[in-house]
Amino acid sequence: MTRLARLFHPSSRLRAACGRLQAAETGFERSMTDLRQAALDHIARQHLLGMALRATLQRPASHGAGGS
C-alpha cells in the first residue's frame, strides 16, 4: 500500500472519484445535447432562408422594378 493510499480511506476516494466522473459525464451529455439542438436550429434557419431567397429570385423582374 502506498503512503498516499494510507492517508485516505479507499472507499471515500473511490466514491469521490465516481462522483466527479458522473458529474463530468452529465455535463458532457448536456453539452452534446445543447450542441445538437443548436446545429438543428441552424439547419432549420438556413432552410427557411434558402426558401425565401429562392422565392425572391423567382419573382418576375417587373414586380421589383415598379414598372406599370
C-alpha atoms as a PDB file:
ATOM      1  CA  MET A   1       0.000   0.000   0.000  1.00  0.00           C
ATOM      2  CA  THR A   2       1.431   3.397  -0.930  1.00  0.00           C
ATOM      3  CA  ARG A   3       1.908   6.201   1.551  1.00  0.00           C
ATOM      4  CA  LEU A   4      -0.863   8.237  -0.145  1.00  0.00           C
ATOM      5  CA  ALA A   5      -3.291   5.321  -0.042  1.00  0.00           C
ATOM      6  CA  ARG A   6      -2.750   5.057   3.726  1.00  0.00           C
ATOM      7  CA  LEU A   7      -3.724   8.698   4.210  1.00  0.00           C
ATOM      8  CA  PHE A   8      -7.149   8.380   2.619  1.00  0.00           C
ATOM      9  CA  HIS A   9      -9.748   5.696   3.037  1.00  0.00           C
ATOM     10  CA  PRO A  10     -10.026   3.894  -0.327  1.00  0.00           C
ATOM     11  CA  SER A  11     -13.803   3.795  -0.350  1.00  0.00           C
ATOM     12  CA  SER A  12     -14.168   7.528   0.236  1.00  0.00           C
ATOM     13  CA  ARG A  13     -11.617   8.251  -2.517  1.00  0.00           C
ATOM     14  CA  LEU A  14     -13.448   5.889  -4.843  1.00  0.00           C
ATOM     15  CA  ARG A  15     -16.812   7.491  -4.070  1.00  0.00           C
ATOM     16  CA  ALA A  16     -15.369  10.953  -4.676  1.00  0.00           C
ATOM     17  CA  ALA A  17     -13.817   9.864  -7.981  1.00  0.00           C
ATOM     18  CA  CYS A  18     -17.067   8.239  -9.079  1.00  0.00           C
ATOM     19  CA  GLY A  19     -18.986  11.395  -8.192  1.00  0.00           C
ATOM     20  CA  ARG A  20     -16.593  13.551 -10.195  1.00  0.00           C
ATOM     21  CA  LEU A  21     -16.808  11.169 -13.141  1.00  0.00           C
ATOM     22  CA  GLN A  22     -20.595  11.157 -13.037  1.00  0.00           C
ATOM     23  CA  ALA A  23     -20.696  14.974 -12.905  1.00  0.00           C
ATOM     24  CA  ALA A  24     -18.319  15.183 -15.862  1.00  0.00           C
ATOM     25  CA  GLU A  25     -20.374  12.685 -17.878  1.00  0.00           C
ATOM     26  CA  THR A  26     -23.599  14.543 -17.120  1.00  0.00           C
ATOM     27  CA  GLY A  27     -22.038  17.864 -18.114  1.00  0.00           C
ATOM     28  CA  PHE A  28     -20.655  16.358 -21.308  1.00  0.00           C
ATOM     29  CA  GLU A  29     -24.012  14.793 -22.246  1.00  0.00           C
ATOM     30  CA  ARG A  30     -25.794  18.086 -21.569  1.00  0.00           C
ATOM     31  CA  SER A  31     -23.256  19.946 -23.716  1.00  0.00           C
ATOM     32  CA  MET A  32     -23.649  17.450 -26.552  1.00  0.00           C
ATOM     33  CA  THR A  33     -27.438  17.760 -26.392  1.00  0.00           C
ATOM     34  CA  ASP A  34     -27.199  21.554 -26.495  1.00  0.00           C
ATOM     35  CA  LEU A  35     -24.755  21.391 -29.399  1.00  0.00           C
ATOM     36  CA  ARG A  36     -27.005  19.032 -31.381  1.00  0.00           C
ATOM     37  CA  GLN A  37     -30.007  21.285 -30.795  1.00  0.00           C
ATOM     38  CA  ALA A  38     -28.048  24.369 -31.894  1.00  0.00           C
ATOM     39  CA  ALA A  39     -26.964  22.568 -35.070  1.00  0.00           C
ATOM     40  CA  LEU A  40     -30.536  21.532 -35.870  1.00  0.00           C
ATOM     41  CA  ASP A  41     -31.779  25.081 -35.250  1.00  0.00           C
ATOM     42  CA  HIS A  42     -29.081  26.429 -37.559  1.00  0.00           C
ATOM     43  CA  ILE A  43     -30.059  23.972 -40.306  1.00  0.00           C
ATOM     44  CA  ALA A  44     -33.740  24.900 -39.969  1.00  0.00           C
ATOM     45  CA  ARG A  45     -32.924  28.634 -40.221  1.00  0.00           C
ATOM     46  CA  GLN A  46     -30.734  28.054 -43.266  1.00  0.00           C
ATOM     47  CA  HIS A  47     -33.521  26.064 -44.927  1.00  0.00           C
ATOM     48  CA  LEU A  48     -36.048  28.851 -44.327  1.00  0.00           C
ATOM     49  CA  LEU A  49     -33.586  31.452 -45.569  1.00  0.00           C
ATOM     50  CA  GLY A  50     -32.915  29.402 -48.698  1.00  0.00           C
ATOM     51  CA  MET A  51     -36.640  29.065 -49.441  1.00  0.00           C
ATOM     52  CA  ALA A  52     -37.160  32.811 -49.007  1.00  0.00           C
ATOM     53  CA  LEU A  53     -34.210  33.590 -51.265  1.00  0.00           C
ATOM     54  CA  ARG A  54     -35.421  31.208 -53.980  1.00  0.00           C
ATOM     55  CA  ALA A  55     -38.919  32.706 -53.819  1.00  0.00           C
ATOM     56  CA  THR A  56     -37.473  36.207 -54.111  1.00  0.00           C
ATOM     57  CA  LEU A  57     -35.284  35.275 -57.075  1.00  0.00           C
ATOM     58  CA  GLN A  58     -38.186  33.580 -58.884  1.00  0.00           C
ATOM     59  CA  ARG A  59     -40.364  36.716 -58.874  1.00  0.00           C
ATOM     60  CA  PRO A  60     -40.743  38.362 -62.275  1.00  0.00           C
ATOM     61  CA  ALA A  61     -38.382  41.301 -62.743  1.00  0.00           C
ATOM     62  CA  SER A  62     -41.307  43.679 -63.424  1.00  0.00           C
ATOM     63  CA  HIS A  63     -42.558  43.384 -59.831  1.00  0.00           C
ATOM     64  CA  GLY A  64     -39.246  44.506 -58.370  1.00  0.00           C
ATOM     65  CA  ALA A  65     -38.734  47.385 -60.831  1.00  0.00           C
ATOM     66  CA  GLY A  66     -42.054  49.025 -60.070  1.00  0.00           C
ATOM     67  CA  GLY A  67     -42.870  49.137 -63.774  1.00  0.00           C
ATOM     68  CA  SER A  68     -46.549  49.649 -64.660  1.00  0.00           C
END
